[in-house]
C-alpha atoms as a PDB file:
ATOM      1  CA  UNK A   1      13.004  35.198  -8.752  1.00  0.00           C
ATOM      2  CA  UNK A   2      12.851  31.449  -9.354  1.00  0.00           C
ATOM      3  CA  UNK A   3       9.979  29.342  -8.055  1.00  0.00           C
ATOM      4  CA  UNK A   4      10.704  26.080  -6.309  1.00  0.00           C
ATOM      5  CA  UNK A   5       8.186  23.470  -5.189  1.00  0.00           C
ATOM      6  CA  UNK A   6       9.357  20.428  -3.283  1.00  0.00           C
ATOM      7  CA  UNK A   7       8.763  17.965  -0.423  1.00  0.00           C
ATOM      8  CA  UNK A   8      11.585  17.447   2.045  1.00  0.00           C
ATOM      9  CA  UNK A   9      11.461  14.442   4.363  1.00  0.00           C
ATOM     10  CA  UNK A  10      13.790  14.006   7.343  1.00  0.00           C
ATOM     11  CA  UNK A  11      14.746  10.732   9.101  1.00  0.00           C
ATOM     12  CA  UNK A  12      16.527  11.195  12.385  1.00  0.00           C
ATOM     13  CA  UNK A  13      19.209   8.912  13.955  1.00  0.00           C
ATOM     14  CA  UNK A  14      20.192   7.929  17.476  1.00  0.00           C
ATOM     15  CA  UNK A  15      19.650  10.067  20.589  1.00  0.00           C
ATOM     16  CA  UNK A  16      16.618  11.964  19.254  1.00  0.00           C
ATOM     17  CA  UNK A  17      13.809  12.496  21.749  1.00  0.00           C
ATOM     18  CA  UNK A  18      11.866  15.364  20.245  1.00  0.00           C
ATOM     19  CA  UNK A  19       9.943  15.530  17.013  1.00  0.00           C
ATOM     20  CA  UNK A  20      11.128  19.137  16.629  1.00  0.00           C
ATOM     21  CA  UNK A  21      14.748  18.045  16.093  1.00  0.00           C
ATOM     22  CA  UNK A  22      15.079  19.546  12.642  1.00  0.00           C
ATOM     23  CA  UNK A  23      13.432  22.899  13.339  1.00  0.00           C
ATOM     24  CA  UNK A  24      16.619  25.036  13.456  1.00  0.00           C
ATOM     25  CA  UNK A  25      17.992  23.334  10.338  1.00  0.00           C
ATOM     26  CA  UNK A  26      14.739  23.861   8.407  1.00  0.00           C
ATOM     27  CA  UNK A  27      14.868  27.610   9.272  1.00  0.00           C
ATOM     28  CA  UNK A  28      18.456  27.798   8.015  1.00  0.00           C
ATOM     29  CA  UNK A  29      17.516  26.006   4.795  1.00  0.00           C
ATOM     30  CA  UNK A  30      14.660  28.424   4.269  1.00  0.00           C
ATOM     31  CA  UNK A  31      17.106  31.288   4.741  1.00  0.00           C
ATOM     32  CA  UNK A  32      19.498  29.786   2.183  1.00  0.00           C
ATOM     33  CA  UNK A  33      16.680  29.344  -0.318  1.00  0.00           C
ATOM     34  CA  UNK A  34      15.838  33.042   0.007  1.00  0.00           C
ATOM     35  CA  UNK A  35      19.525  33.991  -0.432  1.00  0.00           C
ATOM     36  CA  UNK A  36      19.656  32.055  -3.626  1.00  0.00           C
ATOM     37  CA  UNK A  37      16.629  34.001  -4.947  1.00  0.00           C
ATOM     38  CA  UNK A  38      14.280  31.095  -4.813  1.00  0.00           C
ATOM     39  CA  UNK A  39      10.608  31.623  -3.908  1.00  0.00           C
ATOM     40  CA  UNK A  40      10.155  28.955  -1.348  1.00  0.00           C
ATOM     41  CA  UNK A  41       7.330  26.511  -1.831  1.00  0.00           C
ATOM     42  CA  UNK A  42       9.153  23.764   0.137  1.00  0.00           C
ATOM     43  CA  UNK A  43       7.239  21.641   2.569  1.00  0.00           C
ATOM     44  CA  UNK A  44       9.219  19.878   5.339  1.00  0.00           C
ATOM     45  CA  UNK A  45       8.369  16.876   7.431  1.00  0.00           C
ATOM     46  CA  UNK A  46      10.445  15.593  10.347  1.00  0.00           C
ATOM     47  CA  UNK A  47       9.632  11.916  10.702  1.00  0.00           C
ATOM     48  CA  UNK A  48       9.960  10.674  14.248  1.00  0.00           C
ATOM     49  CA  UNK A  49      10.467   7.125  15.617  1.00  0.00           C
ATOM     50  CA  UNK A  50      12.582   8.003  18.702  1.00  0.00           C
ATOM     51  CA  UNK A  51       9.790   7.240  21.149  1.00  0.00           C
ATOM     52  CA  UNK A  52       9.612   3.569  20.111  1.00  0.00           C
ATOM     53  CA  UNK A  53      11.215   0.917  22.359  1.00  0.00           C
ATOM     54  CA  UNK A  54      12.335   3.357  25.086  1.00  0.00           C
ATOM     55  CA  UNK A  55      11.441   0.668  27.560  1.00  0.00           C
ATOM     56  CA  UNK A  56      14.059  -1.659  26.108  1.00  0.00           C
ATOM     57  CA  UNK A  57      16.832   0.865  26.681  1.00  0.00           C
ATOM     58  CA  UNK A  58      15.618   1.689  30.198  1.00  0.00           C
ATOM     59  CA  UNK A  59      15.383  -2.064  30.959  1.00  0.00           C
ATOM     60  CA  UNK A  60      19.042  -2.540  29.991  1.00  0.00           C
ATOM     61  CA  UNK A  61      20.116   0.297  32.287  1.00  0.00           C
ATOM     62  CA  UNK A  62      18.036  -1.077  35.127  1.00  0.00           C
ATOM     63  CA  UNK A  63      19.621  -4.511  34.713  1.00  0.00           C
ATOM     64  CA  UNK A  64      23.101  -2.948  34.968  1.00  0.00           C
ATOM     65  CA  UNK A  65      22.087  -0.954  38.114  1.00  0.00           C
ATOM     66  CA  UNK A  66      20.664  -4.096  39.749  1.00  0.00           C
ATOM     67  CA  UNK A  67      23.854  -6.059  39.160  1.00  0.00           C
ATOM     68  CA  UNK A  68      26.020  -3.218  40.359  1.00  0.00           C
ATOM     69  CA  UNK A  69      24.070  -2.943  43.621  1.00  0.00           C
ATOM     70  CA  UNK A  70      24.410  -6.688  44.098  1.00  0.00           C
ATOM     71  CA  UNK A  71      28.187  -6.445  43.758  1.00  0.00           C
ATOM     72  CA  UNK A  72      28.252  -3.545  46.247  1.00  0.00           C
ATOM     73  CA  UNK A  73      26.069  -5.494  48.746  1.00  0.00           C
ATOM     74  CA  UNK A  74      28.387  -8.523  48.572  1.00  0.00           C
ATOM     75  CA  UNK A  75      31.497  -6.415  49.175  1.00  0.00           C
ATOM     76  CA  UNK A  76      30.744  -3.932  51.935  1.00  0.00           C
ATOM     77  CA  UNK A  77      34.464  -3.926  52.761  1.00  0.00           C
ATOM     78  CA  UNK A  78      34.962  -1.779  49.646  1.00  0.00           C
ATOM     79  CA  UNK A  79      32.214   0.651  50.418  1.00  0.00           C
ATOM     80  CA  UNK A  80      34.300   3.812  49.814  1.00  0.00           C
ATOM     81  CA  UNK A  81      35.445   2.285  46.493  1.00  0.00           C
ATOM     82  CA  UNK A  82      32.151   1.041  45.121  1.00  0.00           C
ATOM     83  CA  UNK A  83      32.121   3.586  42.240  1.00  0.00           C
ATOM     84  CA  UNK A  84      35.532   2.299  41.276  1.00  0.00           C
ATOM     85  CA  UNK A  85      34.334  -1.311  40.917  1.00  0.00           C
ATOM     86  CA  UNK A  86      32.255  -0.482  37.861  1.00  0.00           C
ATOM     87  CA  UNK A  87      33.543   2.825  36.540  1.00  0.00           C
ATOM     88  CA  UNK A  88      31.800   5.547  34.521  1.00  0.00           C
ATOM     89  CA  UNK A  89      28.304   4.261  35.345  1.00  0.00           C
ATOM     90  CA  UNK A  90      26.563   7.500  34.425  1.00  0.00           C
ATOM     91  CA  UNK A  91      28.387   7.790  31.123  1.00  0.00           C
ATOM     92  CA  UNK A  92      27.705   4.168  30.300  1.00  0.00           C
ATOM     93  CA  UNK A  93      23.972   4.648  30.899  1.00  0.00           C
ATOM     94  CA  UNK A  94      24.050   7.793  28.721  1.00  0.00           C
ATOM     95  CA  UNK A  95      25.866   5.837  25.959  1.00  0.00           C
ATOM     96  CA  UNK A  96      23.218   3.098  26.055  1.00  0.00           C
ATOM     97  CA  UNK A  97      20.337   5.537  26.084  1.00  0.00           C
ATOM     98  CA  UNK A  98      21.800   7.961  23.572  1.00  0.00           C
ATOM     99  CA  UNK A  99      23.665   5.856  21.078  1.00  0.00           C
ATOM    100  CA  UNK A 100      24.143   2.138  21.418  1.00  0.00           C
ATOM    101  CA  UNK A 101      20.563   1.374  22.463  1.00  0.00           C
ATOM    102  CA  UNK A 102      18.953   2.847  19.319  1.00  0.00           C
ATOM    103  CA  UNK A 103      21.484   1.204  17.062  1.00  0.00           C
ATOM    104  CA  UNK A 104      21.021  -2.268  18.548  1.00  0.00           C
ATOM    105  CA  UNK A 105      17.246  -1.940  18.674  1.00  0.00           C
ATOM    106  CA  UNK A 106      17.180  -1.230  14.918  1.00  0.00           C
ATOM    107  CA  UNK A 107      19.247  -4.356  14.195  1.00  0.00           C
ATOM    108  CA  UNK A 108      16.431  -6.523  15.611  1.00  0.00           C
ATOM    109  CA  UNK A 109      14.492  -7.575  12.486  1.00  0.00           C
ATOM    110  CA  UNK A 110      11.024  -7.066  13.931  1.00  0.00           C
ATOM    111  CA  UNK A 111      11.817  -3.826  15.755  1.00  0.00           C
ATOM    112  CA  UNK A 112      13.547  -2.481  12.619  1.00  0.00           C
ATOM    113  CA  UNK A 113      10.457  -3.351  10.645  1.00  0.00           C
ATOM    114  CA  UNK A 114       8.283  -1.508  13.173  1.00  0.00           C
ATOM    115  CA  UNK A 115      10.443   1.581  12.863  1.00  0.00           C
ATOM    116  CA  UNK A 116      10.181   1.468   9.039  1.00  0.00           C
ATOM    117  CA  UNK A 117       6.373   0.988   9.348  1.00  0.00           C
ATOM    118  CA  UNK A 118       6.115   4.129  11.518  1.00  0.00           C
ATOM    119  CA  UNK A 119       8.162   6.135   9.041  1.00  0.00           C
ATOM    120  CA  UNK A 120       6.057   4.834   6.154  1.00  0.00           C
ATOM    121  CA  UNK A 121       2.826   5.881   7.869  1.00  0.00           C
ATOM    122  CA  UNK A 122       4.205   9.343   8.452  1.00  0.00           C
ATOM    123  CA  UNK A 123       5.432   9.571   4.840  1.00  0.00           C
ATOM    124  CA  UNK A 124       1.986   8.601   3.546  1.00  0.00           C
ATOM    125  CA  UNK A 125       0.416  11.386   5.610  1.00  0.00           C
ATOM    126  CA  UNK A 126       2.952  13.853   4.297  1.00  0.00           C
ATOM    127  CA  UNK A 127       2.473  13.209   0.653  1.00  0.00           C
ATOM    128  CA  UNK A 128      -1.341  12.965   1.087  1.00  0.00           C
ATOM    129  CA  UNK A 129      -1.320  16.441   2.631  1.00  0.00           C
ATOM    130  CA  UNK A 130       0.661  17.745  -0.423  1.00  0.00           C
ATOM    131  CA  UNK A 131      -0.794  15.589  -3.154  1.00  0.00           C
ATOM    132  CA  UNK A 132      -0.208  18.331  -5.739  1.00  0.00           C
ATOM    133  CA  UNK A 133       3.585  18.300  -5.214  1.00  0.00           C
ATOM    134  CA  UNK A 134       5.738  15.588  -6.729  1.00  0.00           C
ATOM    135  CA  UNK A 135       9.421  16.398  -6.221  1.00  0.00           C
ATOM    136  CA  UNK A 136      10.750  14.633  -3.095  1.00  0.00           C
ATOM    137  CA  UNK A 137      14.052  15.002  -1.247  1.00  0.00           C
ATOM    138  CA  UNK A 138      15.325  12.962   1.746  1.00  0.00           C
ATOM    139  CA  UNK A 139      17.631  14.137   4.552  1.00  0.00           C
ATOM    140  CA  UNK A 140      18.891  11.436   6.951  1.00  0.00           C
ATOM    141  CA  UNK A 141      21.109  11.748  10.010  1.00  0.00           C
ATOM    142  CA  UNK A 142      23.356   9.121  11.640  1.00  0.00           C
ATOM    143  CA  UNK A 143      21.497   5.789  11.978  1.00  0.00           C
ATOM    144  CA  UNK A 144      18.802   7.399   9.915  1.00  0.00           C
ATOM    145  CA  UNK A 145      21.036   7.128   6.895  1.00  0.00           C
ATOM    146  CA  UNK A 146      20.913   3.273   7.331  1.00  0.00           C
ATOM    147  CA  UNK A 147      17.181   3.365   7.815  1.00  0.00           C
ATOM    148  CA  UNK A 148      16.815   5.438   4.642  1.00  0.00           C
ATOM    149  CA  UNK A 149      19.100   2.975   2.804  1.00  0.00           C
ATOM    150  CA  UNK A 150      16.921   0.079   3.954  1.00  0.00           C
ATOM    151  CA  UNK A 151      13.715   1.836   3.008  1.00  0.00           C
ATOM    152  CA  UNK A 152      14.876   2.858  -0.484  1.00  0.00           C
ATOM    153  CA  UNK A 153      17.443   0.351  -1.634  1.00  0.00           C
ATOM    154  CA  UNK A 154      17.988  -2.747   0.552  1.00  0.00           C
ATOM    155  CA  UNK A 155      17.471  -6.095  -1.200  1.00  0.00           C
ATOM    156  CA  UNK A 156      17.714  -8.177   1.952  1.00  0.00           C
ATOM    157  CA  UNK A 157      14.383  -7.371   3.597  1.00  0.00           C
ATOM    158  CA  UNK A 158      11.415  -9.753   3.862  1.00  0.00           C
ATOM    159  CA  UNK A 159       8.743  -9.515   1.194  1.00  0.00           C
ATOM    160  CA  UNK A 160       6.175  -8.047   3.654  1.00  0.00           C
ATOM    161  CA  UNK A 161       8.528  -5.262   4.772  1.00  0.00           C
ATOM    162  CA  UNK A 162       7.020  -1.693   4.770  1.00  0.00           C
ATOM    163  CA  UNK A 163      10.026  -0.581   2.666  1.00  0.00           C
ATOM    164  CA  UNK A 164       8.372  -2.062  -0.448  1.00  0.00           C
ATOM    165  CA  UNK A 165       5.171  -0.078   0.117  1.00  0.00           C
ATOM    166  CA  UNK A 166       7.377   2.994   0.520  1.00  0.00           C
ATOM    167  CA  UNK A 167       8.990   2.358  -2.821  1.00  0.00           C
ATOM    168  CA  UNK A 168       5.632   1.867  -4.510  1.00  0.00           C
ATOM    169  CA  UNK A 169       4.644   5.306  -3.305  1.00  0.00           C
ATOM    170  CA  UNK A 170       7.863   6.782  -4.794  1.00  0.00           C
ATOM    171  CA  UNK A 171       6.735   5.641  -8.258  1.00  0.00           C
ATOM    172  CA  UNK A 172       4.110   8.405  -8.078  1.00  0.00           C
ATOM    173  CA  UNK A 173       6.778  11.018  -7.229  1.00  0.00           C
ATOM    174  CA  UNK A 174       9.996  12.511  -8.631  1.00  0.00           C
ATOM    175  CA  UNK A 175      12.814  11.503  -6.292  1.00  0.00           C
ATOM    176  CA  UNK A 176      15.392  14.248  -6.713  1.00  0.00           C
ATOM    177  CA  UNK A 177      18.036  13.930  -3.971  1.00  0.00           C
ATOM    178  CA  UNK A 178      19.173  12.571  -0.657  1.00  0.00           C
ATOM    179  CA  UNK A 179      21.466  14.124   1.861  1.00  0.00           C
ATOM    180  CA  UNK A 180      23.159  12.075   4.567  1.00  0.00           C
ATOM    181  CA  UNK A 181      24.500  13.811   7.716  1.00  0.00           C
ATOM    182  CA  UNK A 182      26.924  12.185  10.110  1.00  0.00           C
ATOM    183  CA  UNK A 183      26.558   8.878   8.345  1.00  0.00           C
ATOM    184  CA  UNK A 184      28.314   5.567   9.328  1.00  0.00           C
ATOM    185  CA  UNK A 185      27.375   3.882   6.041  1.00  0.00           C
ATOM    186  CA  UNK A 186      31.063   3.234   5.203  1.00  0.00           C
ATOM    187  CA  UNK A 187      31.412   0.811   8.137  1.00  0.00           C
ATOM    188  CA  UNK A 188      27.932  -0.634   7.753  1.00  0.00           C
ATOM    189  CA  UNK A 189      28.870  -1.418   4.114  1.00  0.00           C
ATOM    190  CA  UNK A 190      31.699  -3.609   5.480  1.00  0.00           C
ATOM    191  CA  UNK A 191      29.533  -5.187   8.178  1.00  0.00           C
ATOM    192  CA  UNK A 192      26.679  -6.259   5.832  1.00  0.00           C
ATOM    193  CA  UNK A 193      28.467  -6.111   2.459  1.00  0.00           C
ATOM    194  CA  UNK A 194      26.088  -3.394   1.251  1.00  0.00           C
ATOM    195  CA  UNK A 195      26.029  -3.134  -2.550  1.00  0.00           C
ATOM    196  CA  UNK A 196      25.507   0.461  -3.530  1.00  0.00           C
ATOM    197  CA  UNK A 197      24.576  -0.574  -7.115  1.00  0.00           C
ATOM    198  CA  UNK A 198      21.082  -1.177  -5.664  1.00  0.00           C
ATOM    199  CA  UNK A 199      20.545   2.539  -6.113  1.00  0.00           C
ATOM    200  CA  UNK A 200      20.652   2.041  -9.874  1.00  0.00           C
ATOM    201  CA  UNK A 201      17.830  -0.517  -9.693  1.00  0.00           C
ATOM    202  CA  UNK A 202      15.475   1.838  -7.874  1.00  0.00           C
ATOM    203  CA  UNK A 203      16.245   4.724 -10.205  1.00  0.00           C
ATOM    204  CA  UNK A 204      15.248   2.560 -13.143  1.00  0.00           C
ATOM    205  CA  UNK A 205      11.801   2.108 -11.580  1.00  0.00           C
ATOM    206  CA  UNK A 206      10.962   5.575 -10.314  1.00  0.00           C
ATOM    207  CA  UNK A 207      10.794   9.024 -11.929  1.00  0.00           C
ATOM    208  CA  UNK A 208      13.930  11.138 -11.916  1.00  0.00           C
ATOM    209  CA  UNK A 209      13.560  14.171 -14.172  1.00  0.00           C
ATOM    210  CA  UNK A 210      17.108  15.210 -13.623  1.00  0.00           C
ATOM    211  CA  UNK A 211      20.292  13.466 -12.499  1.00  0.00           C
ATOM    212  CA  UNK A 212      19.698  11.988  -9.000  1.00  0.00           C
ATOM    213  CA  UNK A 213      21.863  13.800  -6.415  1.00  0.00           C
ATOM    214  CA  UNK A 214      23.389  12.489  -3.136  1.00  0.00           C
ATOM    215  CA  UNK A 215      25.648  14.455  -0.886  1.00  0.00           C
ATOM    216  CA  UNK A 216      27.266  13.041   2.293  1.00  0.00           C
ATOM    217  CA  UNK A 217      28.017  15.774   4.830  1.00  0.00           C
ATOM    218  CA  UNK A 218      30.719  15.110   7.416  1.00  0.00           C
ATOM    219  CA  UNK A 219      31.613  17.323  10.368  1.00  0.00           C
ATOM    220  CA  UNK A 220      35.406  17.161  10.725  1.00  0.00           C
ATOM    221  CA  UNK A 221      35.104  16.134  14.445  1.00  0.00           C
ATOM    222  CA  UNK A 222      32.270  13.650  14.041  1.00  0.00           C
ATOM    223  CA  UNK A 223      33.624  10.180  14.852  1.00  0.00           C
ATOM    224  CA  UNK A 224      30.538   8.488  13.433  1.00  0.00           C
ATOM    225  CA  UNK A 225      30.683  10.220  10.073  1.00  0.00           C
ATOM    226  CA  UNK A 226      32.902   9.039   7.218  1.00  0.00           C
ATOM    227  CA  UNK A 227      33.375   9.762   3.521  1.00  0.00           C
ATOM    228  CA  UNK A 228      31.915   7.351   0.972  1.00  0.00           C
ATOM    229  CA  UNK A 229      33.111   8.384  -2.466  1.00  0.00           C
ATOM    230  CA  UNK A 230      35.921   5.793  -2.804  1.00  0.00           C
ATOM    231  CA  UNK A 231      33.689   3.033  -1.439  1.00  0.00           C
ATOM    232  CA  UNK A 232      30.829   3.576  -3.873  1.00  0.00           C
ATOM    233  CA  UNK A 233      32.189   5.242  -6.994  1.00  0.00           C
ATOM    234  CA  UNK A 234      32.496   1.968  -8.936  1.00  0.00           C
ATOM    235  CA  UNK A 235      29.005   0.840  -7.860  1.00  0.00           C
ATOM    236  CA  UNK A 236      26.794   3.862  -8.754  1.00  0.00           C
ATOM    237  CA  UNK A 237      25.758   4.617 -12.297  1.00  0.00           C
ATOM    238  CA  UNK A 238      26.049   7.700 -14.464  1.00  0.00           C
ATOM    239  CA  UNK A 239      22.533   8.774 -13.421  1.00  0.00           C
ATOM    240  CA  UNK A 240      23.861   9.745  -9.950  1.00  0.00           C
ATOM    241  CA  UNK A 241      25.707  12.792  -8.826  1.00  0.00           C
ATOM    242  CA  UNK A 242      27.568  12.017  -5.552  1.00  0.00           C
ATOM    243  CA  UNK A 243      29.944  13.981  -3.399  1.00  0.00           C
ATOM    244  CA  UNK A 244      31.320  14.137   0.143  1.00  0.00           C
ATOM    245  CA  UNK A 245      31.215  17.551   1.871  1.00  0.00           C
ATOM    246  CA  UNK A 246      33.275  18.401   4.977  1.00  0.00           C
ATOM    247  CA  UNK A 247      32.117  20.924   7.606  1.00  0.00           C
ATOM    248  CA  UNK A 248      35.571  22.016   8.757  1.00  0.00           C
ATOM    249  CA  UNK A 249      34.811  23.524  12.142  1.00  0.00           C
ATOM    250  CA  UNK A 250      35.619  22.885  15.797  1.00  0.00           C
ATOM    251  CA  UNK A 251      32.701  21.211  17.503  1.00  0.00           C
ATOM    252  CA  UNK A 252      32.928  23.499  20.557  1.00  0.00           C
ATOM    253  CA  UNK A 253      35.303  25.894  22.314  1.00  0.00           C
ATOM    254  CA  UNK A 254      36.759  23.240  24.563  1.00  0.00           C
ATOM    255  CA  UNK A 255      37.788  21.078  21.609  1.00  0.00           C
ATOM    256  CA  UNK A 256      39.398  24.095  19.954  1.00  0.00           C
ATOM    257  CA  UNK A 257      41.317  25.004  23.145  1.00  0.00           C
ATOM    258  CA  UNK A 258      42.541  21.521  23.716  1.00  0.00           C
ATOM    259  CA  UNK A 259      43.771  21.142  20.137  1.00  0.00           C
ATOM    260  CA  UNK A 260      45.559  24.438  20.478  1.00  0.00           C
ATOM    261  CA  UNK A 261      47.680  23.092  23.384  1.00  0.00           C
ATOM    262  CA  UNK A 262      48.281  19.743  21.669  1.00  0.00           C
ATOM    263  CA  UNK A 263      45.810  17.660  23.677  1.00  0.00           C
ATOM    264  CA  UNK A 264      44.260  16.096  20.559  1.00  0.00           C
ATOM    265  CA  UNK A 265      43.133  12.797  22.133  1.00  0.00           C
ATOM    266  CA  UNK A 266      41.199  14.630  24.797  1.00  0.00           C
ATOM    267  CA  UNK A 267      39.906  17.141  22.278  1.00  0.00           C
ATOM    268  CA  UNK A 268      38.541  14.229  20.187  1.00  0.00           C
ATOM    269  CA  UNK A 269      36.523  12.927  23.121  1.00  0.00           C
ATOM    270  CA  UNK A 270      35.230  16.350  24.087  1.00  0.00           C
ATOM    271  CA  UNK A 271      34.178  17.281  20.550  1.00  0.00           C
ATOM    272  CA  UNK A 272      32.722  14.093  19.259  1.00  0.00           C
ATOM    273  CA  UNK A 273      29.193  14.250  20.677  1.00  0.00           C
ATOM    274  CA  UNK A 274      28.616  17.910  19.801  1.00  0.00           C
ATOM    275  CA  UNK A 275      30.019  17.313  16.341  1.00  0.00           C
ATOM    276  CA  UNK A 276      27.650  14.452  15.652  1.00  0.00           C
ATOM    277  CA  UNK A 277      24.628  16.689  16.447  1.00  0.00           C
ATOM    278  CA  UNK A 278      26.069  19.919  15.006  1.00  0.00           C
ATOM    279  CA  UNK A 279      24.216  19.661  11.652  1.00  0.00           C
ATOM    280  CA  UNK A 280      21.027  20.562  13.498  1.00  0.00           C
ATOM    281  CA  UNK A 281      22.405  23.368  15.656  1.00  0.00           C
ATOM    282  CA  UNK A 282      21.537  27.016  15.225  1.00  0.00           C
ATOM    283  CA  UNK A 283      25.148  28.022  14.889  1.00  0.00           C
ATOM    284  CA  UNK A 284      27.837  28.283  12.178  1.00  0.00           C
ATOM    285  CA  UNK A 285      28.071  24.508  11.825  1.00  0.00           C
ATOM    286  CA  UNK A 286      24.308  24.178  11.266  1.00  0.00           C
ATOM    287  CA  UNK A 287      24.395  27.153   8.850  1.00  0.00           C
ATOM    288  CA  UNK A 288      27.092  25.484   6.725  1.00  0.00           C
ATOM    289  CA  UNK A 289      25.150  22.208   6.744  1.00  0.00           C
ATOM    290  CA  UNK A 290      21.977  24.134   5.637  1.00  0.00           C
ATOM    291  CA  UNK A 291      23.919  25.783   2.752  1.00  0.00           C
ATOM    292  CA  UNK A 292      25.196  22.450   1.514  1.00  0.00           C
ATOM    293  CA  UNK A 293      21.747  20.889   1.777  1.00  0.00           C
ATOM    294  CA  UNK A 294      20.231  23.790  -0.043  1.00  0.00           C
ATOM    295  CA  UNK A 295      22.675  23.463  -2.954  1.00  0.00           C
ATOM    296  CA  UNK A 296      21.608  19.851  -3.174  1.00  0.00           C
ATOM    297  CA  UNK A 297      17.880  20.657  -3.011  1.00  0.00           C
ATOM    298  CA  UNK A 298      18.010  23.142  -5.873  1.00  0.00           C
ATOM    299  CA  UNK A 299      20.532  21.235  -7.948  1.00  0.00           C
ATOM    300  CA  UNK A 300      23.485  23.621  -7.749  1.00  0.00           C
ATOM    301  CA  UNK A 301      25.901  20.763  -8.357  1.00  0.00           C
ATOM    302  CA  UNK A 302      28.571  23.248  -9.608  1.00  0.00           C
ATOM    303  CA  UNK A 303      28.808  24.717  -6.115  1.00  0.00           C
ATOM    304  CA  UNK A 304      29.223  21.224  -4.653  1.00  0.00           C
ATOM    305  CA  UNK A 305      31.698  20.035  -7.334  1.00  0.00           C
ATOM    306  CA  UNK A 306      33.834  23.161  -6.929  1.00  0.00           C
ATOM    307  CA  UNK A 307      35.095  22.254  -3.497  1.00  0.00           C
ATOM    308  CA  UNK A 308      34.404  19.619  -0.840  1.00  0.00           C
ATOM    309  CA  UNK A 309      35.749  21.434   2.234  1.00  0.00           C
ATOM    310  CA  UNK A 310      34.039  24.492   3.612  1.00  0.00           C
ATOM    311  CA  UNK A 311      36.704  26.953   4.669  1.00  0.00           C
ATOM    312  CA  UNK A 312      36.941  27.981   8.314  1.00  0.00           C
END
């Protein structure tokens, strides 16, 4: 039996309303650690910023509803067709609340800084509670992968940004790995010309007892998740092990049925939202994600190098 001692810190992405979002995934990781004959001394912390700026998203939806009602009032002659004037209102509101709102809020410099400050405060509490443990791992989902990038590596933040205090804390720890789940970093690299060589600068300043590991996990039906290897391979140094990993599953039964009858466009729409959250589900998708994360946590890079697609 091998003994493992580590700290694992989660950063969530969009559409997260409960601080318990990683509970099922953590249980699956603990199961995988046991299967690999590791005595678990892993401590997990699910950072949470999803309650910040809810008023901004609700305000946007209320503006839309106010303008819609105004249009309806002005055109009573179309009373039976009002819902057709501005279609898919419920779905639009869900999209704002669940996805677009969080993403746009984070792009605001001051609100982004406030989110990073909240995460820093939670991180400080976490490492203070486990002062005797030094090995740290990060797991970030969706927009959380951009937040993690900014906290650890971004060179475009203001000098007073909480990210720099975060990095100072890391100098007292051994940063071992990161795992990104459902990450849009490929497109964000294009938007902001992200230079992944910034990783090398941080690793020169902090402790890394072994080769730093980064795996990027992609559910096959997740429209927000994209591979990164080709985009970053010439920018990261030899101190980094990187690989993409595909969770090759159907997001739900409806997606599978629609693909079976050749309705791939509809299947894509039906499966996308479940796929983007599937890494945290207590199902086969979540179990596969936990297995890949566990390989990364314990440094089984041979298992990750051997194949990048998990068979159905």
